[in-house]
Amino acid sequence: MTYPREVLNRIKWVKGGLSDVIVTYVHRGAPDDMAMIKGEDIVELGRSFFRVGESHVPYHRIIKIENDGEEVYRA
């Protein structure tokens, strides 16, 4: 099984960065309880979360990761 953190780290370090990434994740209170973030807005890939600005999003909330228009992860 591949975990979202592994997918994001592989894209960041092997494929040259997160600029072509879109992450869809559970965001309570947002329309349909889902939000999308561009990879270029991810500040940090932590051990159990990724950080966008001052927000910390746990990896277990990630629903889908797309890289350059191709789905590379789905929960």
N, C-alpha and C. Protein backbone atom coordinates (compact mmCIF):
# COMPACT_ATOMS: atom_id res chain seq x y z
N MET A 1 0.84 -1.18 0.00
CA MET A 1 0.00 0.00 0.00
C MET A 1 0.89 1.25 0.00
N THR A 2 0.54 2.20 -0.82
CA THR A 2 1.27 3.47 -0.89
C THR A 2 0.48 4.52 -0.12
N TYR A 3 1.18 5.28 0.69
CA TYR A 3 0.56 6.31 1.50
C TYR A 3 0.74 7.68 0.85
N PRO A 4 -0.19 8.62 1.12
CA PRO A 4 -0.11 9.95 0.49
C PRO A 4 1.22 10.67 0.74
N ARG A 5 1.77 10.53 1.93
CA ARG A 5 3.05 11.18 2.23
C ARG A 5 4.15 10.67 1.31
N GLU A 6 4.17 9.35 1.08
CA GLU A 6 5.16 8.75 0.18
C GLU A 6 4.99 9.29 -1.23
N VAL A 7 3.75 9.39 -1.68
CA VAL A 7 3.48 9.89 -3.03
C VAL A 7 3.97 11.32 -3.18
N LEU A 8 3.63 12.18 -2.22
CA LEU A 8 4.04 13.59 -2.29
C LEU A 8 5.56 13.73 -2.21
N ASN A 9 6.20 12.97 -1.33
CA ASN A 9 7.66 13.03 -1.24
C ASN A 9 8.34 12.56 -2.51
N ARG A 10 7.81 11.50 -3.11
CA ARG A 10 8.39 11.00 -4.37
C ARG A 10 8.28 12.05 -5.47
N ILE A 11 7.13 12.69 -5.57
CA ILE A 11 6.95 13.74 -6.58
C ILE A 11 7.91 14.90 -6.29
N LYS A 12 7.99 15.30 -5.03
CA LYS A 12 8.83 16.45 -4.67
C LYS A 12 10.31 16.18 -4.96
N TRP A 13 10.81 15.03 -4.55
CA TRP A 13 12.25 14.78 -4.62
C TRP A 13 12.71 14.07 -5.89
N VAL A 14 11.86 13.27 -6.50
CA VAL A 14 12.26 12.53 -7.70
C VAL A 14 11.82 13.24 -8.98
N LYS A 15 10.62 13.79 -8.96
CA LYS A 15 10.08 14.40 -10.17
C LYS A 15 10.31 15.91 -10.23
N GLY A 16 10.97 16.45 -9.22
CA GLY A 16 11.39 17.84 -9.31
C GLY A 16 10.51 18.90 -8.67
N GLY A 17 9.53 18.53 -7.90
CA GLY A 17 8.75 19.55 -7.21
C GLY A 17 7.26 19.28 -7.25
N LEU A 18 6.53 20.07 -6.50
CA LEU A 18 5.09 19.88 -6.35
C LEU A 18 4.26 20.87 -7.17
N SER A 19 4.89 21.61 -8.05
CA SER A 19 4.17 22.68 -8.76
C SER A 19 3.02 22.18 -9.64
N ASP A 20 3.07 20.94 -10.12
CA ASP A 20 2.01 20.41 -10.98
C ASP A 20 1.03 19.53 -10.22
N VAL A 21 1.04 19.59 -8.89
CA VAL A 21 0.22 18.73 -8.05
C VAL A 21 -1.04 19.45 -7.59
N ILE A 22 -2.14 18.69 -7.54
CA ILE A 22 -3.39 19.15 -6.93
C ILE A 22 -3.77 18.09 -5.90
N VAL A 23 -4.01 18.52 -4.65
CA VAL A 23 -4.40 17.61 -3.58
C VAL A 23 -5.84 17.93 -3.20
N THR A 24 -6.69 16.91 -3.21
CA THR A 24 -8.08 17.04 -2.77
C THR A 24 -8.18 16.37 -1.41
N TYR A 25 -8.75 17.07 -0.44
CA TYR A 25 -8.80 16.52 0.92
C TYR A 25 -10.08 16.93 1.63
N VAL A 26 -10.39 16.23 2.72
CA VAL A 26 -11.56 16.51 3.54
C VAL A 26 -11.28 17.79 4.32
N HIS A 27 -12.21 18.76 4.18
CA HIS A 27 -12.09 20.03 4.88
C HIS A 27 -13.47 20.38 5.43
N ARG A 28 -13.67 20.06 6.68
CA ARG A 28 -14.99 20.26 7.28
C ARG A 28 -15.37 21.74 7.24
N GLY A 29 -16.60 21.99 6.79
CA GLY A 29 -17.09 23.35 6.69
C GLY A 29 -17.00 23.92 5.28
N ALA A 30 -16.16 23.33 4.45
CA ALA A 30 -16.06 23.75 3.05
C ALA A 30 -17.23 23.15 2.27
N PRO A 31 -17.56 23.66 1.11
CA PRO A 31 -18.62 23.06 0.30
C PRO A 31 -18.34 21.57 0.07
N ASP A 32 -19.34 20.75 0.35
CA ASP A 32 -19.23 19.28 0.22
C ASP A 32 -18.13 18.70 1.13
N ASP A 33 -17.69 19.47 2.11
CA ASP A 33 -16.63 19.06 3.04
C ASP A 33 -15.34 18.65 2.34
N MET A 34 -15.06 19.25 1.19
CA MET A 34 -13.84 18.94 0.45
C MET A 34 -13.19 20.24 -0.01
N ALA A 35 -11.86 20.20 -0.10
CA ALA A 35 -11.09 21.35 -0.60
C ALA A 35 -9.97 20.83 -1.50
N MET A 36 -9.47 21.71 -2.34
CA MET A 36 -8.35 21.39 -3.23
C MET A 36 -7.26 22.42 -3.00
N ILE A 37 -6.02 21.93 -3.03
CA ILE A 37 -4.87 22.82 -2.84
C ILE A 37 -3.84 22.53 -3.91
N LYS A 38 -3.21 23.56 -4.41
CA LYS A 38 -2.12 23.40 -5.37
C LYS A 38 -0.85 23.00 -4.63
N GLY A 39 -0.07 22.14 -5.24
CA GLY A 39 1.17 21.69 -4.63
C GLY A 39 2.12 22.83 -4.32
N GLU A 40 2.12 23.86 -5.14
CA GLU A 40 3.02 25.00 -4.91
C GLU A 40 2.69 25.74 -3.62
N ASP A 41 1.48 25.53 -3.07
CA ASP A 41 1.08 26.18 -1.82
C ASP A 41 1.45 25.36 -0.59
N ILE A 42 1.93 24.14 -0.79
CA ILE A 42 2.33 23.29 0.34
C ILE A 42 3.69 23.78 0.83
N VAL A 43 3.73 24.15 2.10
CA VAL A 43 4.93 24.71 2.71
C VAL A 43 5.84 23.63 3.27
N GLU A 44 5.23 22.56 3.81
CA GLU A 44 6.01 21.52 4.48
C GLU A 44 5.30 20.18 4.37
N LEU A 45 6.08 19.12 4.18
CA LEU A 45 5.57 17.76 4.25
C LEU A 45 6.09 17.17 5.56
N GLY A 46 5.25 17.24 6.58
CA GLY A 46 5.64 16.75 7.90
C GLY A 46 5.46 15.25 8.01
N ARG A 47 5.66 14.75 9.21
CA ARG A 47 5.57 13.31 9.45
C ARG A 47 4.12 12.81 9.34
N SER A 48 3.16 13.53 9.90
CA SER A 48 1.78 13.08 9.87
C SER A 48 0.81 14.09 9.25
N PHE A 49 1.35 15.16 8.70
CA PHE A 49 0.52 16.21 8.11
C PHE A 49 1.32 16.95 7.04
N PHE A 50 0.58 17.70 6.20
CA PHE A 50 1.26 18.67 5.34
C PHE A 50 0.77 20.04 5.76
N ARG A 51 1.60 21.04 5.55
CA ARG A 51 1.28 22.39 6.01
C ARG A 51 1.06 23.30 4.82
N VAL A 52 -0.04 24.05 4.92
CA VAL A 52 -0.39 25.07 3.92
C VAL A 52 -0.58 26.35 4.71
N GLY A 53 0.32 27.30 4.54
CA GLY A 53 0.26 28.51 5.35
C GLY A 53 0.41 28.14 6.81
N GLU A 54 -0.55 28.53 7.62
CA GLU A 54 -0.54 28.19 9.05
C GLU A 54 -1.39 26.96 9.36
N SER A 55 -2.02 26.37 8.35
CA SER A 55 -2.89 25.20 8.55
C SER A 55 -2.10 23.91 8.40
N HIS A 56 -2.40 22.95 9.26
CA HIS A 56 -1.81 21.62 9.21
C HIS A 56 -2.91 20.64 8.82
N VAL A 57 -2.72 19.92 7.72
CA VAL A 57 -3.73 18.98 7.23
C VAL A 57 -3.17 17.56 7.38
N PRO A 58 -3.83 16.72 8.17
CA PRO A 58 -3.36 15.34 8.33
C PRO A 58 -3.45 14.58 7.01
N TYR A 59 -2.47 13.74 6.76
CA TYR A 59 -2.46 12.96 5.52
C TYR A 59 -3.68 12.06 5.37
N HIS A 60 -4.24 11.60 6.50
CA HIS A 60 -5.39 10.69 6.39
C HIS A 60 -6.63 11.39 5.82
N ARG A 61 -6.60 12.70 5.71
CA ARG A 61 -7.73 13.42 5.11
C ARG A 61 -7.62 13.53 3.58
N ILE A 62 -6.48 13.16 3.03
CA ILE A 62 -6.30 13.26 1.58
C ILE A 62 -7.16 12.22 0.88
N ILE A 63 -7.92 12.68 -0.09
CA ILE A 63 -8.78 11.82 -0.89
C ILE A 63 -8.12 11.47 -2.22
N LYS A 64 -7.48 12.48 -2.82
CA LYS A 64 -6.91 12.27 -4.15
C LYS A 64 -5.71 13.18 -4.35
N ILE A 65 -4.71 12.65 -5.09
CA ILE A 65 -3.55 13.45 -5.50
C ILE A 65 -3.43 13.32 -7.01
N GLU A 66 -3.33 14.46 -7.69
CA GLU A 66 -3.10 14.47 -9.13
C GLU A 66 -1.77 15.14 -9.40
N ASN A 67 -1.05 14.61 -10.37
CA ASN A 67 0.22 15.20 -10.78
C ASN A 67 0.17 15.40 -12.29
N ASP A 68 0.29 16.64 -12.71
CA ASP A 68 0.25 16.98 -14.13
C ASP A 68 -0.99 16.40 -14.81
N GLY A 69 -2.15 16.49 -14.11
CA GLY A 69 -3.42 16.05 -14.66
C GLY A 69 -3.71 14.56 -14.52
N GLU A 70 -2.76 13.79 -14.02
CA GLU A 70 -2.92 12.34 -13.88
C GLU A 70 -3.13 11.98 -12.41
N GLU A 71 -4.15 11.18 -12.13
CA GLU A 71 -4.40 10.74 -10.76
C GLU A 71 -3.31 9.74 -10.35
N VAL A 72 -2.59 10.08 -9.27
CA VAL A 72 -1.51 9.20 -8.81
C VAL A 72 -1.80 8.58 -7.46
N TYR A 73 -2.87 9.05 -6.79
CA TYR A 73 -3.28 8.48 -5.51
C TYR A 73 -4.77 8.69 -5.33
N ARG A 74 -5.44 7.67 -4.79
CA ARG A 74 -6.84 7.79 -4.38
C ARG A 74 -7.04 6.94 -3.13
N ALA A 75 -7.69 7.55 -2.14
CA ALA A 75 -7.95 6.84 -0.87
C ALA A 75 -9.01 5.79 -1.07
